[in-house]
């Protein structure tokens, strides 16, 4: 159950990161509210998962999921260019996250 919560929390990290960027310095209400809600949920889930998972592993997986999904969203939405190098590095990042799960 802790792994499931950790994965969902990592996904929520991507939502709050995108919402933060779209809040325009907290001047836009809806993205600002989404940022606060998803930040609280994401950190709460990470904290809960850390009660039964090693801290370093949990944090690395949470960050890896959030960073990967944020980058994929940015490329899919056209905010960033999707290059072979970026996609390849994201594949490596996902491989590292899966590897951490495999050895935990």
PDB file of N, CA and C in Angstrom:
ATOM      1  N   UNK A   1       0.821  -1.199   0.000  1.00  0.00           N
ATOM      2  CA  UNK A   1       0.000   0.000   0.000  1.00  0.00           C
ATOM      3  C   UNK A   1       0.867   1.266   0.000  1.00  0.00           C
ATOM      4  N   UNK A   2       2.009   1.211   0.699  1.00  0.00           N
ATOM      5  CA  UNK A   2       2.892   2.380   0.774  1.00  0.00           C
ATOM      6  C   UNK A   2       3.430   2.737  -0.611  1.00  0.00           C
ATOM      7  N   UNK A   3       3.736   1.743  -1.422  1.00  0.00           N
ATOM      8  CA  UNK A   3       4.232   2.022  -2.772  1.00  0.00           C
ATOM      9  C   UNK A   3       3.153   2.684  -3.617  1.00  0.00           C
ATOM     10  N   UNK A   4       1.929   2.221  -3.505  1.00  0.00           N
ATOM     11  CA  UNK A   4       0.823   2.820  -4.252  1.00  0.00           C
ATOM     12  C   UNK A   4       0.647   4.287  -3.860  1.00  0.00           C
ATOM     13  N   UNK A   5       0.636   4.555  -2.562  1.00  0.00           N
ATOM     14  CA  UNK A   5       0.498   5.931  -2.068  1.00  0.00           C
ATOM     15  C   UNK A   5       1.670   6.786  -2.554  1.00  0.00           C
ATOM     16  N   UNK A   6       2.866   6.218  -2.553  1.00  0.00           N
ATOM     17  CA  UNK A   6       4.045   6.952  -3.006  1.00  0.00           C
ATOM     18  C   UNK A   6       3.936   7.309  -4.489  1.00  0.00           C
ATOM     19  N   UNK A   7       3.477   6.379  -5.305  1.00  0.00           N
ATOM     20  CA  UNK A   7       3.328   6.644  -6.740  1.00  0.00           C
ATOM     21  C   UNK A   7       2.273   7.727  -6.977  1.00  0.00           C
ATOM     22  N   UNK A   8       1.143   7.622  -6.297  1.00  0.00           N
ATOM     23  CA  UNK A   8       0.095   8.645  -6.441  1.00  0.00           C
ATOM     24  C   UNK A   8       0.620   9.999  -5.967  1.00  0.00           C
ATOM     25  N   UNK A   9       1.389  10.008  -4.897  1.00  0.00           N
ATOM     26  CA  UNK A   9       1.964  11.262  -4.389  1.00  0.00           C
ATOM     27  C   UNK A   9       2.942  11.863  -5.389  1.00  0.00           C
ATOM     28  N   UNK A  10       3.710  11.023  -6.051  1.00  0.00           N
ATOM     29  CA  UNK A  10       4.613  11.503  -7.097  1.00  0.00           C
ATOM     30  C   UNK A  10       3.850  12.100  -8.265  1.00  0.00           C
ATOM     31  N   UNK A  11       2.725  11.488  -8.603  1.00  0.00           N
ATOM     32  CA  UNK A  11       1.883  12.031  -9.671  1.00  0.00           C
ATOM     33  C   UNK A  11       1.301  13.383  -9.259  1.00  0.00           C
ATOM     34  N   UNK A  12       0.931  13.484  -7.999  1.00  0.00           N
ATOM     35  CA  UNK A  12       0.406  14.752  -7.491  1.00  0.00           C
ATOM     36  C   UNK A  12       1.488  15.834  -7.498  1.00  0.00           C
ATOM     37  N   UNK A  13       2.735  15.427  -7.337  1.00  0.00           N
ATOM     38  CA  UNK A  13       3.835  16.400  -7.396  1.00  0.00           C
ATOM     39  C   UNK A  13       3.875  17.060  -8.772  1.00  0.00           C
ATOM     40  N   UNK A  14       3.666  16.277  -9.809  1.00  0.00           N
ATOM     41  CA  UNK A  14       3.661  16.836 -11.166  1.00  0.00           C
ATOM     42  C   UNK A  14       2.521  17.836 -11.334  1.00  0.00           C
ATOM     43  N   UNK A  15       1.367  17.544 -10.745  1.00  0.00           N
ATOM     44  CA  UNK A  15       0.223  18.460 -10.854  1.00  0.00           C
ATOM     45  C   UNK A  15       0.546  19.781 -10.174  1.00  0.00           C
ATOM     46  N   UNK A  16       1.099  19.712  -8.951  1.00  0.00           N
ATOM     47  CA  UNK A  16       1.363  20.988  -8.277  1.00  0.00           C
ATOM     48  C   UNK A  16       2.496  21.765  -8.940  1.00  0.00           C
ATOM     49  N   UNK A  17       3.434  21.076  -9.553  1.00  0.00           N
ATOM     50  CA  UNK A  17       4.511  21.786 -10.246  1.00  0.00           C
ATOM     51  C   UNK A  17       3.973  22.558 -11.453  1.00  0.00           C
ATOM     52  N   UNK A  18       3.101  21.911 -12.219  1.00  0.00           N
ATOM     53  CA  UNK A  18       2.497  22.580 -13.375  1.00  0.00           C
ATOM     54  C   UNK A  18       1.586  23.715 -12.904  1.00  0.00           C
ATOM     55  N   UNK A  19       0.808  23.463 -11.852  1.00  0.00           N
ATOM     56  CA  UNK A  19      -0.075  24.508 -11.321  1.00  0.00           C
ATOM     57  C   UNK A  19       0.726  25.705 -10.827  1.00  0.00           C
ATOM     58  N   UNK A  20       1.861  25.452 -10.208  1.00  0.00           N
ATOM     59  CA  UNK A  20       2.711  26.544  -9.734  1.00  0.00           C
ATOM     60  C   UNK A  20       3.187  27.395 -10.909  1.00  0.00           C
ATOM     61  N   UNK A  21       3.613  26.746 -11.970  1.00  0.00           N
ATOM     62  CA  UNK A  21       4.069  27.491 -13.148  1.00  0.00           C
ATOM     63  C   UNK A  21       2.932  28.313 -13.761  1.00  0.00           C
ATOM     64  N   UNK A  22       1.743  27.760 -13.746  1.00  0.00           N
ATOM     65  CA  UNK A  22       0.605  28.446 -14.359  1.00  0.00           C
ATOM     66  C   UNK A  22      -0.045  29.487 -13.448  1.00  0.00           C
ATOM     67  N   UNK A  23       0.349  29.503 -12.183  1.00  0.00           N
ATOM     68  CA  UNK A  23      -0.255  30.470 -11.255  1.00  0.00           C
ATOM     69  C   UNK A  23       0.244  31.890 -11.488  1.00  0.00           C
ATOM     70  N   UNK A  24       1.320  32.030 -12.275  1.00  0.00           N
ATOM     71  CA  UNK A  24       1.918  33.332 -12.556  1.00  0.00           C
ATOM     72  C   UNK A  24       2.216  34.105 -11.268  1.00  0.00           C
ATOM     73  N   UNK A  25       3.001  33.462 -10.414  1.00  0.00           N
ATOM     74  CA  UNK A  25       3.383  34.103  -9.154  1.00  0.00           C
ATOM     75  C   UNK A  25       2.230  34.226  -8.177  1.00  0.00           C
ATOM     76  N   UNK A  26       1.324  33.261  -8.197  1.00  0.00           N
ATOM     77  CA  UNK A  26       0.125  33.217  -7.345  1.00  0.00           C
ATOM     78  C   UNK A  26      -0.860  34.337  -7.660  1.00  0.00           C
ATOM     79  N   UNK A  27      -0.820  34.854  -8.893  1.00  0.00           N
ATOM     80  CA  UNK A  27      -1.775  35.880  -9.301  1.00  0.00           C
ATOM     81  C   UNK A  27      -3.030  35.287  -9.934  1.00  0.00           C
ATOM     82  N   UNK A  28      -2.990  34.031 -10.323  1.00  0.00           N
ATOM     83  CA  UNK A  28      -4.161  33.372 -10.891  1.00  0.00           C
ATOM     84  C   UNK A  28      -4.725  32.428  -9.822  1.00  0.00           C
ATOM     85  N   UNK A  29      -6.000  32.560  -9.524  1.00  0.00           N
ATOM     86  CA  UNK A  29      -6.612  31.885  -8.378  1.00  0.00           C
ATOM     87  C   UNK A  29      -6.675  30.367  -8.553  1.00  0.00           C
ATOM     88  N   UNK A  30      -7.241  29.885  -9.656  1.00  0.00           N
ATOM     89  CA  UNK A  30      -7.448  28.441  -9.805  1.00  0.00           C
ATOM     90  C   UNK A  30      -6.133  27.668  -9.773  1.00  0.00           C
ATOM     91  N   UNK A  31      -5.121  28.052 -10.547  1.00  0.00           N
ATOM     92  CA  UNK A  31      -3.860  27.316 -10.438  1.00  0.00           C
ATOM     93  C   UNK A  31      -3.223  27.434  -9.045  1.00  0.00           C
ATOM     94  N   UNK A  32      -3.406  28.560  -8.382  1.00  0.00           N
ATOM     95  CA  UNK A  32      -2.848  28.730  -7.033  1.00  0.00           C
ATOM     96  C   UNK A  32      -3.518  27.792  -6.037  1.00  0.00           C
ATOM     97  N   UNK A  33      -4.831  27.657  -6.146  1.00  0.00           N
ATOM     98  CA  UNK A  33      -5.563  26.735  -5.260  1.00  0.00           C
ATOM     99  C   UNK A  33      -5.163  25.295  -5.562  1.00  0.00           C
ATOM    100  N   UNK A  34      -5.077  24.951  -6.845  1.00  0.00           N
ATOM    101  CA  UNK A  34      -4.643  23.596  -7.217  1.00  0.00           C
ATOM    102  C   UNK A  34      -3.251  23.309  -6.678  1.00  0.00           C
ATOM    103  N   UNK A  35      -2.367  24.293  -6.749  1.00  0.00           N
ATOM    104  CA  UNK A  35      -1.018  24.134  -6.211  1.00  0.00           C
ATOM    105  C   UNK A  35      -1.062  23.762  -4.732  1.00  0.00           C
ATOM    106  N   UNK A  36      -1.805  24.522  -3.940  1.00  0.00           N
ATOM    107  CA  UNK A  36      -1.858  24.283  -2.492  1.00  0.00           C
ATOM    108  C   UNK A  36      -2.461  22.921  -2.173  1.00  0.00           C
ATOM    109  N   UNK A  37      -3.558  22.579  -2.831  1.00  0.00           N
ATOM    110  CA  UNK A  37      -4.245  21.307  -2.567  1.00  0.00           C
ATOM    111  C   UNK A  37      -3.353  20.126  -2.932  1.00  0.00           C
ATOM    112  N   UNK A  38      -2.774  20.165  -4.134  1.00  0.00           N
ATOM    113  CA  UNK A  38      -1.960  19.034  -4.569  1.00  0.00           C
ATOM    114  C   UNK A  38      -0.623  18.980  -3.853  1.00  0.00           C
ATOM    115  N   UNK A  39      -0.093  20.113  -3.451  1.00  0.00           N
ATOM    116  CA  UNK A  39       1.136  20.113  -2.655  1.00  0.00           C
ATOM    117  C   UNK A  39       0.893  19.424  -1.316  1.00  0.00           C
ATOM    118  N   UNK A  40      -0.207  19.787  -0.660  1.00  0.00           N
ATOM    119  CA  UNK A  40      -0.527  19.170   0.634  1.00  0.00           C
ATOM    120  C   UNK A  40      -0.745  17.671   0.481  1.00  0.00           C
ATOM    121  N   UNK A  41      -1.486  17.275  -0.544  1.00  0.00           N
ATOM    122  CA  UNK A  41      -1.729  15.849  -0.760  1.00  0.00           C
ATOM    123  C   UNK A  41      -0.455  15.098  -1.094  1.00  0.00           C
ATOM    124  N   UNK A  42       0.368  15.695  -1.923  1.00  0.00           N
ATOM    125  CA  UNK A  42       1.611  15.058  -2.333  1.00  0.00           C
ATOM    126  C   UNK A  42       2.567  14.877  -1.157  1.00  0.00           C
ATOM    127  N   UNK A  43       2.762  15.926  -0.387  1.00  0.00           N
ATOM    128  CA  UNK A  43       3.659  15.827   0.766  1.00  0.00           C
ATOM    129  C   UNK A  43       3.085  14.916   1.854  1.00  0.00           C
ATOM    130  N   UNK A  44       1.761  14.974   2.028  1.00  0.00           N
ATOM    131  CA  UNK A  44       1.137  14.083   3.002  1.00  0.00           C
ATOM    132  C   UNK A  44       1.312  12.618   2.631  1.00  0.00           C
ATOM    133  N   UNK A  45       1.124  12.314   1.355  1.00  0.00           N
ATOM    134  CA  UNK A  45       1.319  10.937   0.892  1.00  0.00           C
ATOM    135  C   UNK A  45       2.762  10.495   1.022  1.00  0.00           C
ATOM    136  N   UNK A  46       3.699  11.383   0.687  1.00  0.00           N
ATOM    137  CA  UNK A  46       5.120  11.062   0.850  1.00  0.00           C
ATOM    138  C   UNK A  46       5.439  10.785   2.316  1.00  0.00           C
ATOM    139  N   UNK A  47       4.938  11.630   3.198  1.00  0.00           N
ATOM    140  CA  UNK A  47       5.190  11.443   4.631  1.00  0.00           C
ATOM    141  C   UNK A  47       4.632  10.115   5.115  1.00  0.00           C
ATOM    142  N   UNK A  48       3.427   9.777   4.663  1.00  0.00           N
ATOM    143  CA  UNK A  48       2.826   8.512   5.083  1.00  0.00           C
ATOM    144  C   UNK A  48       3.624   7.336   4.548  1.00  0.00           C
ATOM    145  N   UNK A  49       4.027   7.400   3.279  1.00  0.00           N
ATOM    146  CA  UNK A  49       4.790   6.303   2.679  1.00  0.00           C
ATOM    147  C   UNK A  49       6.128   6.113   3.388  1.00  0.00           C
ATOM    148  N   UNK A  50       6.708   7.210   3.865  1.00  0.00           N
ATOM    149  CA  UNK A  50       8.002   7.133   4.536  1.00  0.00           C
ATOM    150  C   UNK A  50       7.931   6.443   5.898  1.00  0.00           C
ATOM    151  N   UNK A  51       6.724   6.209   6.405  1.00  0.00           N
ATOM    152  CA  UNK A  51       6.620   5.497   7.677  1.00  0.00           C
ATOM    153  C   UNK A  51       6.970   4.021   7.520  1.00  0.00           C
ATOM    154  N   UNK A  52       6.897   3.506   6.277  1.00  0.00           N
ATOM    155  CA  UNK A  52       7.225   2.098   6.088  1.00  0.00           C
ATOM    156  C   UNK A  52       8.247   1.849   4.973  1.00  0.00           C
ATOM    157  N   UNK A  53       8.657   2.883   4.270  1.00  0.00           N
ATOM    158  CA  UNK A  53       9.675   2.746   3.226  1.00  0.00           C
ATOM    159  C   UNK A  53      10.920   3.523   3.629  1.00  0.00           C
ATOM    160  N   UNK A  54      12.082   3.093   3.158  1.00  0.00           N
ATOM    161  CA  UNK A  54      13.302   3.839   3.468  1.00  0.00           C
ATOM    162  C   UNK A  54      13.211   5.274   2.932  1.00  0.00           C
ATOM    163  N   UNK A  55      13.653   6.218   3.727  1.00  0.00           N
ATOM    164  CA  UNK A  55      13.526   7.631   3.383  1.00  0.00           C
ATOM    165  C   UNK A  55      14.172   7.973   2.044  1.00  0.00           C
ATOM    166  N   UNK A  56      15.399   7.569   1.845  1.00  0.00           N
ATOM    167  CA  UNK A  56      16.101   7.894   0.606  1.00  0.00           C
ATOM    168  C   UNK A  56      15.416   7.323  -0.618  1.00  0.00           C
ATOM    169  N   UNK A  57      14.970   6.082  -0.516  1.00  0.00           N
ATOM    170  CA  UNK A  57      14.282   5.429  -1.631  1.00  0.00           C
ATOM    171  C   UNK A  57      12.958   6.122  -1.909  1.00  0.00           C
ATOM    172  N   UNK A  58      12.184   6.375  -0.863  1.00  0.00           N
ATOM    173  CA  UNK A  58      10.874   7.004  -1.035  1.00  0.00           C
ATOM    174  C   UNK A  58      11.019   8.384  -1.663  1.00  0.00           C
ATOM    175  N   UNK A  59      11.962   9.166  -1.187  1.00  0.00           N
ATOM    176  CA  UNK A  59      12.137  10.521  -1.704  1.00  0.00           C
ATOM    177  C   UNK A  59      12.612  10.489  -3.160  1.00  0.00           C
ATOM    178  N   UNK A  60      13.543   9.604  -3.469  1.00  0.00           N
ATOM    179  CA  UNK A  60      14.049   9.510  -4.841  1.00  0.00           C
ATOM    180  C   UNK A  60      12.952   9.068  -5.810  1.00  0.00           C
ATOM    181  N   UNK A  61      12.138   8.122  -5.408  1.00  0.00           N
ATOM    182  CA  UNK A  61      11.045   7.656  -6.263  1.00  0.00           C
ATOM    183  C   UNK A  61      10.016   8.769  -6.438  1.00  0.00           C
ATOM    184  N   UNK A  62       9.640   9.429  -5.365  1.00  0.00           N
ATOM    185  CA  UNK A  62       8.659  10.522  -5.406  1.00  0.00           C
ATOM    186  C   UNK A  62       9.136  11.637  -6.338  1.00  0.00           C
ATOM    187  N   UNK A  63      10.383  12.036  -6.176  1.00  0.00           N
ATOM    188  CA  UNK A  63      10.947  13.086  -7.002  1.00  0.00           C
ATOM    189  C   UNK A  63      11.065  12.649  -8.449  1.00  0.00           C
ATOM    190  N   UNK A  64      11.494  11.412  -8.664  1.00  0.00           N
ATOM    191  CA  UNK A  64      11.646  10.902 -10.021  1.00  0.00           C
ATOM    192  C   UNK A  64      10.332  10.859 -10.777  1.00  0.00           C
ATOM    193  N   UNK A  65       9.288  10.394 -10.115  1.00  0.00           N
ATOM    194  CA  UNK A  65       7.970  10.347 -10.748  1.00  0.00           C
ATOM    195  C   UNK A  65       7.489  11.756 -11.065  1.00  0.00           C
ATOM    196  N   UNK A  66       7.589  12.644 -10.099  1.00  0.00           N
ATOM    197  CA  UNK A  66       7.138  14.021 -10.301  1.00  0.00           C
ATOM    198  C   UNK A  66       7.909  14.730 -11.401  1.00  0.00           C
ATOM    199  N   UNK A  67       9.218  14.570 -11.397  1.00  0.00           N
ATOM    200  CA  UNK A  67      10.045  15.236 -12.408  1.00  0.00           C
ATOM    201  C   UNK A  67       9.760  14.673 -13.801  1.00  0.00           C
ATOM    202  N   UNK A  68       9.630  13.364 -13.902  1.00  0.00           N
ATOM    203  CA  UNK A  68       9.361  12.745 -15.199  1.00  0.00           C
ATOM    204  C   UNK A  68       8.018  13.189 -15.751  1.00  0.00           C
ATOM    205  N   UNK A  69       6.983  13.111 -14.942  1.00  0.00           N
ATOM    206  CA  UNK A  69       5.656  13.491 -15.426  1.00  0.00           C
ATOM    207  C   UNK A  69       5.568  14.974 -15.752  1.00  0.00           C
ATOM    208  N   UNK A  70       6.237  15.806 -14.973  1.00  0.00           N
ATOM    209  CA  UNK A  70       6.245  17.241 -15.257  1.00  0.00           C
ATOM    210  C   UNK A  70       6.929  17.510 -16.596  1.00  0.00           C
ATOM    211  N   UNK A  71       8.052  16.870 -16.834  1.00  0.00           N
ATOM    212  CA  UNK A  71       8.774  17.055 -18.094  1.00  0.00           C
ATOM    213  C   UNK A  71       7.970  16.516 -19.275  1.00  0.00           C
ATOM    214  N   UNK A  72       7.340  15.358 -19.101  1.00  0.00           N
ATOM    215  CA  UNK A  72       6.523  14.789 -20.180  1.00  0.00           C
ATOM    216  C   UNK A  72       5.352  15.715 -20.497  1.00  0.00           C
ATOM    217  N   UNK A  73       4.701  16.226 -19.452  1.00  0.00           N
ATOM    218  CA  UNK A  73       3.582  17.156 -19.672  1.00  0.00           C
ATOM    219  C   UNK A  73       4.055  18.411 -20.407  1.00  0.00           C
ATOM    220  N   UNK A  74       5.194  18.938 -20.006  1.00  0.00           N
ATOM    221  CA  UNK A  74       5.719  20.139 -20.657  1.00  0.00           C
ATOM    222  C   UNK A  74       6.025  19.891 -22.126  1.00  0.00           C
ATOM    223  N   UNK A  75       6.541  18.728 -22.433  1.00  0.00           N
ATOM    224  CA  UNK A  75       6.819  18.410 -23.835  1.00  0.00           C
ATOM    225  C   UNK A  75       5.516  18.165 -24.601  1.00  0.00           C
ATOM    226  N   UNK A  76       4.570  17.461 -23.985  1.00  0.00           N
ATOM    227  CA  UNK A  76       3.301  17.160 -24.658  1.00  0.00           C
ATOM    228  C   UNK A  76       2.479  18.417 -24.912  1.00  0.00           C
ATOM    229  N   UNK A  77       2.569  19.391 -24.013  1.00  0.00           N
ATOM    230  CA  UNK A  77       1.801  20.625 -24.162  1.00  0.00           C
ATOM    231  C   UNK A  77       2.504  21.660 -25.041  1.00  0.00           C
ATOM    232  N   UNK A  78       3.734  21.361 -25.435  1.00  0.00           N
ATOM    233  CA  UNK A  78       4.475  22.271 -26.297  1.00  0.00           C
ATOM    234  C   UNK A  78       5.269  23.331 -25.562  1.00  0.00           C
ATOM    235  N   UNK A  79       5.274  23.291 -24.244  1.00  0.00           N
ATOM    236  CA  UNK A  79       6.027  24.274 -23.474  1.00  0.00           C
ATOM    237  C   UNK A  79       7.534  24.043 -23.581  1.00  0.00           C
ATOM    238  N   UNK A  80       7.928  22.794 -23.823  1.00  0.00           N
ATOM    239  CA  UNK A  80       9.335  22.435 -24.002  1.00  0.00           C
ATOM    240  C   UNK A  80       9.446  21.558 -25.240  1.00  0.00           C
ATOM    241  N   UNK A  81      10.615  21.604 -25.870  1.00  0.00           N
ATOM    242  CA  UNK A  81      10.833  20.751 -27.044  1.00  0.00           C
ATOM    243  C   UNK A  81      11.110  19.322 -26.600  1.00  0.00           C
ATOM    244  N   UNK A  82      10.537  18.380 -27.328  1.00  0.00           N
ATOM    245  CA  UNK A  82      10.814  16.966 -27.090  1.00  0.00           C
ATOM    246  C   UNK A  82      11.955  16.554 -28.011  1.00  0.00           C
ATOM    247  N   UNK A  83      13.117  16.361 -27.437  1.00  0.00           N
ATOM    248  CA  UNK A  83      14.266  15.924 -28.226  1.00  0.00           C
ATOM    249  C   UNK A  83      14.586  14.470 -27.890  1.00  0.00           C
ATOM    250  N   UNK A  84      15.340  13.851 -28.745  1.00  0.00           N
ATOM    251  CA  UNK A  84      15.750  12.467 -28.498  1.00  0.00           C
ATOM    252  C   UNK A  84      16.518  12.363 -27.184  1.00  0.00           C
ATOM    253  N   UNK A  85      17.381  13.326 -26.934  1.00  0.00           N
ATOM    254  CA  UNK A  85      18.178  13.304 -25.700  1.00  0.00           C
ATOM    255  C   UNK A  85      17.281  13.417 -24.466  1.00  0.00           C
ATOM    256  N   UNK A  86      16.323  14.335 -24.488  1.00  0.00           N
ATOM    257  CA  UNK A  86      15.421  14.499 -23.330  1.00  0.00           C
ATOM    258  C   UNK A  86      14.615  13.235 -23.077  1.00  0.00           C
ATOM    259  N   UNK A  87      14.048  12.695 -24.138  1.00  0.00           N
ATOM    260  CA  UNK A  87      13.240  11.486 -23.983  1.00  0.00           C
ATOM    261  C   UNK A  87      14.106  10.337 -23.484  1.00  0.00           C
ATOM    262  N   UNK A  88      15.290  10.196 -24.036  1.00  0.00           N
ATOM    263  CA  UNK A  88      16.199   9.142 -23.594  1.00  0.00           C
ATOM    264  C   UNK A  88      16.580   9.273 -22.132  1.00  0.00           C
ATOM    265  N   UNK A  89      16.851  10.491 -21.710  1.00  0.00           N
ATOM    266  CA  UNK A  89      17.200  10.715 -20.297  1.00  0.00           C
ATOM    267  C   UNK A  89      16.016  10.449 -19.381  1.00  0.00           C
ATOM    268  N   UNK A  90      14.809  10.784 -19.822  1.00  0.00           N
ATOM    269  CA  UNK A  90      13.621  10.474 -19.016  1.00  0.00           C
ATOM    270  C   UNK A  90      13.407   8.967 -18.914  1.00  0.00           C
ATOM    271  N   UNK A  91      13.688   8.243 -19.989  1.00  0.00           N
ATOM    272  CA  UNK A  91      13.599   6.779 -19.943  1.00  0.00           C
ATOM    273  C   UNK A  91      14.598   6.237 -18.922  1.00  0.00           C
ATOM    274  N   UNK A  92      15.800   6.786 -18.918  1.00  0.00           N
ATOM    275  CA  UNK A  92      16.791   6.362 -17.920  1.00  0.00           C
ATOM    276  C   UNK A  92      16.312   6.674 -16.502  1.00  0.00           C
ATOM    277  N   UNK A  93      15.708   7.842 -16.317  1.00  0.00           N
ATOM    278  CA  UNK A  93      15.192   8.218 -14.999  1.00  0.00           C
ATOM    279  C   UNK A  93      14.116   7.247 -14.538  1.00  0.00           C
ATOM    280  N   UNK A  94      13.213   6.911 -15.421  1.00  0.00           N
ATOM    281  CA  UNK A  94      12.160   5.941 -15.079  1.00  0.00           C
ATOM    282  C   UNK A  94      12.787   4.598 -14.754  1.00  0.00           C
ATOM    283  N   UNK A  95      13.803   4.202 -15.505  1.00  0.00           N
ATOM    284  CA  UNK A  95      14.507   2.950 -15.218  1.00  0.00           C
ATOM    285  C   UNK A  95      15.129   2.952 -13.841  1.00  0.00           C
ATOM    286  N   UNK A  96      15.673   4.095 -13.429  1.00  0.00           N
ATOM    287  CA  UNK A  96      16.252   4.201 -12.083  1.00  0.00           C
ATOM    288  C   UNK A  96      15.190   4.095 -11.002  1.00  0.00           C
ATOM    289  N   UNK A  97      14.039   4.707 -11.236  1.00  0.00           N
ATOM    290  CA  UNK A  97      12.939   4.621 -10.265  1.00  0.00           C
ATOM    291  C   UNK A  97      12.467   3.179 -10.131  1.00  0.00           C
ATOM    292  N   UNK A  98      12.310   2.496 -11.255  1.00  0.00           N
ATOM    293  CA  UNK A  98      11.906   1.083 -11.226  1.00  0.00           C
ATOM    294  C   UNK A  98      12.977   0.253 -10.523  1.00  0.00           C
ATOM    295  N   UNK A  99      14.234   0.571 -10.783  1.00  0.00           N
ATOM    296  CA  UNK A  99      15.328  -0.146 -10.123  1.00  0.00           C
ATOM    297  C   UNK A  99      15.312   0.037  -8.620  1.00  0.00           C
ATOM    298  N   UNK A 100      15.014   1.243  -8.157  1.00  0.00           N
ATOM    299  CA  UNK A 100      14.913   1.465  -6.714  1.00  0.00           C
ATOM    300  C   UNK A 100      13.797   0.629  -6.094  1.00  0.00           C
ATOM    301  N   UNK A 101      12.684   0.507  -6.804  1.00  0.00           N
ATOM    302  CA  UNK A 101      11.579  -0.328  -6.310  1.00  0.00           C
ATOM    303  C   UNK A 101      12.040  -1.787  -6.257  1.00  0.00           C
ATOM    304  N   UNK A 102      12.780  -2.203  -7.280  1.00  0.00           N
ATOM    305  CA  UNK A 102      13.208  -3.610  -7.367  1.00  0.00           C
ATOM    306  C   UNK A 102      14.159  -4.002  -6.237  1.00  0.00           C
ATOM    307  N   UNK A 103      14.984  -3.077  -5.790  1.00  0.00           N
ATOM    308  CA  UNK A 103      15.962  -3.421  -4.757  1.00  0.00           C
ATOM    309  C   UNK A 103      15.516  -3.042  -3.350  1.00  0.00           C
ATOM    310  N   UNK A 104      14.386  -2.372  -3.230  1.00  0.00           N
ATOM    311  CA  UNK A 104      13.920  -1.953  -1.896  1.00  0.00           C
ATOM    312  C   UNK A 104      13.307  -3.112  -1.127  1.00  0.00           C
TER     313      UNK A 104
END
